[in-house]
Amino acid sequence: MKHLLLGIVILTLSGCFGDEDRIYTVDELMAGQVLLARITSECRNNPGALRQTPNCQNAEAADWKLRLERMNRALGG
């Protein structure tokens, strides 16, 4: 019975932790436009606290790479 109760508590607590602490790669952010827009928006709304975080740096790099890809396509490359 104790093990069952412990299992239920662990499963319940595991649902409390989401993707907020997850660090996304540049490739993941480039593939997910909505995710990139959300993280970029959060970083721009609070640059003092978030600018040096890995997600903000990766979002900036992903945005830069996507812009370069769009420029290359526009120039016929």
N, C-alpha and C. Protein backbone atom coordinates (compact mmCIF):
# COMPACT_ATOMS: atom_id res chain seq x y z
N MET A 1 0.82 -1.20 0.00
CA MET A 1 0.00 0.00 0.00
C MET A 1 0.87 1.26 0.00
N LYS A 2 1.96 1.22 0.75
CA LYS A 2 2.85 2.38 0.80
C LYS A 2 3.46 2.65 -0.57
N HIS A 3 3.81 1.58 -1.27
CA HIS A 3 4.42 1.75 -2.59
C HIS A 3 3.42 2.32 -3.60
N LEU A 4 2.18 1.92 -3.47
CA LEU A 4 1.14 2.45 -4.35
C LEU A 4 0.94 3.94 -4.10
N LEU A 5 0.90 4.32 -2.85
CA LEU A 5 0.74 5.73 -2.49
C LEU A 5 1.94 6.54 -2.98
N LEU A 6 3.13 6.00 -2.80
CA LEU A 6 4.34 6.68 -3.26
C LEU A 6 4.32 6.84 -4.79
N GLY A 7 3.87 5.82 -5.50
CA GLY A 7 3.78 5.89 -6.95
C GLY A 7 2.80 6.95 -7.41
N ILE A 8 1.67 7.05 -6.74
CA ILE A 8 0.66 8.06 -7.09
C ILE A 8 1.21 9.46 -6.85
N VAL A 9 1.92 9.66 -5.73
CA VAL A 9 2.50 10.97 -5.42
C VAL A 9 3.53 11.35 -6.47
N ILE A 10 4.37 10.41 -6.86
CA ILE A 10 5.40 10.69 -7.85
C ILE A 10 4.77 11.04 -9.20
N LEU A 11 3.77 10.29 -9.61
CA LEU A 11 3.10 10.59 -10.88
C LEU A 11 2.40 11.94 -10.85
N THR A 12 1.82 12.27 -9.72
CA THR A 12 1.14 13.56 -9.58
C THR A 12 2.13 14.70 -9.67
N LEU A 13 3.26 14.57 -8.98
CA LEU A 13 4.26 15.63 -9.01
C LEU A 13 4.95 15.75 -10.36
N SER A 14 5.08 14.65 -11.07
CA SER A 14 5.73 14.72 -12.38
C SER A 14 4.92 15.56 -13.37
N GLY A 15 3.63 15.66 -13.17
CA GLY A 15 2.80 16.49 -14.03
C GLY A 15 2.96 17.97 -13.77
N CYS A 16 3.59 18.32 -12.66
CA CYS A 16 3.78 19.73 -12.31
C CYS A 16 4.95 20.36 -13.06
N PHE A 17 5.80 19.56 -13.59
CA PHE A 17 6.99 20.07 -14.25
C PHE A 17 6.82 19.91 -15.75
N GLY A 18 6.79 21.05 -16.46
CA GLY A 18 6.59 21.01 -17.90
C GLY A 18 7.86 21.29 -18.66
N ASP A 19 7.71 21.87 -19.86
CA ASP A 19 8.84 22.18 -20.72
C ASP A 19 9.43 23.55 -20.43
N GLU A 20 9.03 24.18 -19.34
CA GLU A 20 9.52 25.53 -19.06
C GLU A 20 11.03 25.55 -18.85
N ASP A 21 11.58 24.50 -18.26
CA ASP A 21 13.01 24.46 -17.98
C ASP A 21 13.80 23.79 -19.09
N ARG A 22 13.12 23.36 -20.12
CA ARG A 22 13.78 22.66 -21.22
C ARG A 22 14.56 23.64 -22.06
N ILE A 23 15.74 23.23 -22.48
CA ILE A 23 16.56 24.04 -23.37
C ILE A 23 16.41 23.47 -24.78
N TYR A 24 15.91 24.29 -25.68
CA TYR A 24 15.68 23.88 -27.06
C TYR A 24 16.92 24.14 -27.89
N THR A 25 17.17 23.26 -28.85
CA THR A 25 18.30 23.45 -29.76
C THR A 25 17.90 24.43 -30.87
N VAL A 26 18.90 24.90 -31.58
CA VAL A 26 18.64 25.81 -32.69
C VAL A 26 17.79 25.12 -33.75
N ASP A 27 18.10 23.85 -34.03
CA ASP A 27 17.34 23.11 -35.04
C ASP A 27 15.88 22.92 -34.63
N GLU A 28 15.64 22.64 -33.36
CA GLU A 28 14.27 22.50 -32.88
C GLU A 28 13.50 23.81 -33.03
N LEU A 29 14.16 24.91 -32.72
CA LEU A 29 13.51 26.21 -32.84
C LEU A 29 13.27 26.59 -34.29
N MET A 30 14.18 26.22 -35.17
CA MET A 30 13.98 26.51 -36.59
C MET A 30 12.81 25.70 -37.15
N ALA A 31 12.61 24.50 -36.65
CA ALA A 31 11.53 23.65 -37.12
C ALA A 31 10.17 24.07 -36.56
N GLY A 32 10.16 24.68 -35.39
CA GLY A 32 8.91 25.07 -34.75
C GLY A 32 8.74 26.58 -34.73
N GLN A 33 8.08 27.12 -35.73
CA GLN A 33 7.93 28.56 -35.85
C GLN A 33 7.16 29.17 -34.68
N VAL A 34 6.13 28.46 -34.19
CA VAL A 34 5.34 28.97 -33.07
C VAL A 34 6.18 29.01 -31.81
N LEU A 35 6.96 27.96 -31.58
CA LEU A 35 7.84 27.90 -30.41
C LEU A 35 8.89 29.00 -30.49
N LEU A 36 9.48 29.18 -31.66
CA LEU A 36 10.48 30.23 -31.84
C LEU A 36 9.88 31.61 -31.57
N ALA A 37 8.69 31.85 -32.08
CA ALA A 37 8.04 33.15 -31.87
C ALA A 37 7.74 33.37 -30.38
N ARG A 38 7.32 32.33 -29.68
CA ARG A 38 7.00 32.46 -28.26
C ARG A 38 8.25 32.78 -27.44
N ILE A 39 9.32 32.04 -27.68
CA ILE A 39 10.55 32.26 -26.92
C ILE A 39 11.16 33.61 -27.27
N THR A 40 11.15 33.97 -28.55
CA THR A 40 11.69 35.27 -28.96
C THR A 40 10.92 36.41 -28.31
N SER A 41 9.61 36.27 -28.25
CA SER A 41 8.77 37.29 -27.64
C SER A 41 9.08 37.43 -26.14
N GLU A 42 9.21 36.29 -25.46
CA GLU A 42 9.54 36.32 -24.04
C GLU A 42 10.89 36.98 -23.80
N CYS A 43 11.86 36.67 -24.64
CA CYS A 43 13.20 37.23 -24.49
C CYS A 43 13.22 38.73 -24.75
N ARG A 44 12.45 39.17 -25.72
CA ARG A 44 12.41 40.60 -26.03
C ARG A 44 11.63 41.40 -25.00
N ASN A 45 10.67 40.74 -24.34
CA ASN A 45 9.90 41.43 -23.31
C ASN A 45 10.67 41.57 -22.00
N ASN A 46 11.69 40.76 -21.78
CA ASN A 46 12.46 40.83 -20.54
C ASN A 46 13.94 40.57 -20.84
N PRO A 47 14.58 41.45 -21.62
CA PRO A 47 15.95 41.18 -22.04
C PRO A 47 16.97 41.22 -20.90
N GLY A 48 16.72 41.99 -19.88
CA GLY A 48 17.67 42.08 -18.77
C GLY A 48 17.83 40.77 -18.04
N ALA A 49 16.74 40.06 -17.86
CA ALA A 49 16.79 38.81 -17.10
C ALA A 49 16.99 37.59 -17.99
N LEU A 50 16.57 37.66 -19.25
CA LEU A 50 16.56 36.46 -20.08
C LEU A 50 17.58 36.43 -21.20
N ARG A 51 18.19 37.54 -21.51
CA ARG A 51 19.04 37.61 -22.70
C ARG A 51 20.16 36.58 -22.72
N GLN A 52 20.77 36.31 -21.59
CA GLN A 52 21.90 35.39 -21.54
C GLN A 52 21.50 33.93 -21.31
N THR A 53 20.20 33.64 -21.29
CA THR A 53 19.77 32.26 -21.09
C THR A 53 19.98 31.47 -22.38
N PRO A 54 20.21 30.16 -22.25
CA PRO A 54 20.44 29.34 -23.45
C PRO A 54 19.30 29.38 -24.45
N ASN A 55 18.05 29.39 -23.98
CA ASN A 55 16.93 29.41 -24.91
C ASN A 55 16.89 30.71 -25.70
N CYS A 56 17.19 31.83 -25.07
CA CYS A 56 17.17 33.10 -25.79
C CYS A 56 18.32 33.18 -26.79
N GLN A 57 19.47 32.67 -26.41
CA GLN A 57 20.59 32.66 -27.33
C GLN A 57 20.33 31.74 -28.51
N ASN A 58 19.75 30.57 -28.25
CA ASN A 58 19.42 29.65 -29.32
C ASN A 58 18.31 30.20 -30.22
N ALA A 59 17.35 30.90 -29.62
CA ALA A 59 16.27 31.50 -30.42
C ALA A 59 16.83 32.60 -31.32
N GLU A 60 17.76 33.37 -30.81
CA GLU A 60 18.38 34.42 -31.62
C GLU A 60 19.16 33.81 -32.79
N ALA A 61 19.88 32.73 -32.52
CA ALA A 61 20.64 32.05 -33.57
C ALA A 61 19.70 31.43 -34.61
N ALA A 62 18.61 30.82 -34.15
CA ALA A 62 17.65 30.21 -35.08
C ALA A 62 16.99 31.27 -35.94
N ASP A 63 16.64 32.39 -35.34
CA ASP A 63 16.02 33.49 -36.10
C ASP A 63 17.00 34.00 -37.16
N TRP A 64 18.26 34.15 -36.78
CA TRP A 64 19.28 34.62 -37.72
C TRP A 64 19.45 33.64 -38.88
N LYS A 65 19.51 32.34 -38.58
CA LYS A 65 19.66 31.34 -39.64
C LYS A 65 18.45 31.32 -40.57
N LEU A 66 17.26 31.46 -40.01
CA LEU A 66 16.05 31.49 -40.85
C LEU A 66 16.04 32.72 -41.74
N ARG A 67 16.48 33.85 -41.22
CA ARG A 67 16.55 35.07 -42.04
C ARG A 67 17.54 34.89 -43.19
N LEU A 68 18.69 34.28 -42.90
CA LEU A 68 19.68 34.05 -43.95
C LEU A 68 19.14 33.11 -45.02
N GLU A 69 18.43 32.07 -44.59
CA GLU A 69 17.83 31.14 -45.56
C GLU A 69 16.81 31.85 -46.45
N ARG A 70 15.99 32.72 -45.85
CA ARG A 70 14.99 33.46 -46.64
C ARG A 70 15.68 34.41 -47.62
N MET A 71 16.76 35.06 -47.18
CA MET A 71 17.48 35.96 -48.08
C MET A 71 18.10 35.20 -49.24
N ASN A 72 18.66 34.03 -48.96
CA ASN A 72 19.25 33.21 -50.02
C ASN A 72 18.21 32.79 -51.03
N ARG A 73 17.03 32.38 -50.56
CA ARG A 73 15.96 31.98 -51.47
C ARG A 73 15.48 33.17 -52.29
N ALA A 74 15.39 34.34 -51.66
CA ALA A 74 14.93 35.54 -52.38
C ALA A 74 15.93 35.96 -53.46
N LEU A 75 17.20 35.68 -53.21
CA LEU A 75 18.23 36.04 -54.17
C LEU A 75 18.47 34.93 -55.20
N GLY A 76 17.69 33.87 -55.09
CA GLY A 76 17.80 32.79 -56.06
C GLY A 76 18.86 31.77 -55.73
N GLY A 77 19.28 31.72 -54.46
CA GLY A 77 20.36 30.78 -54.10
C GLY A 77 19.93 29.55 -53.45
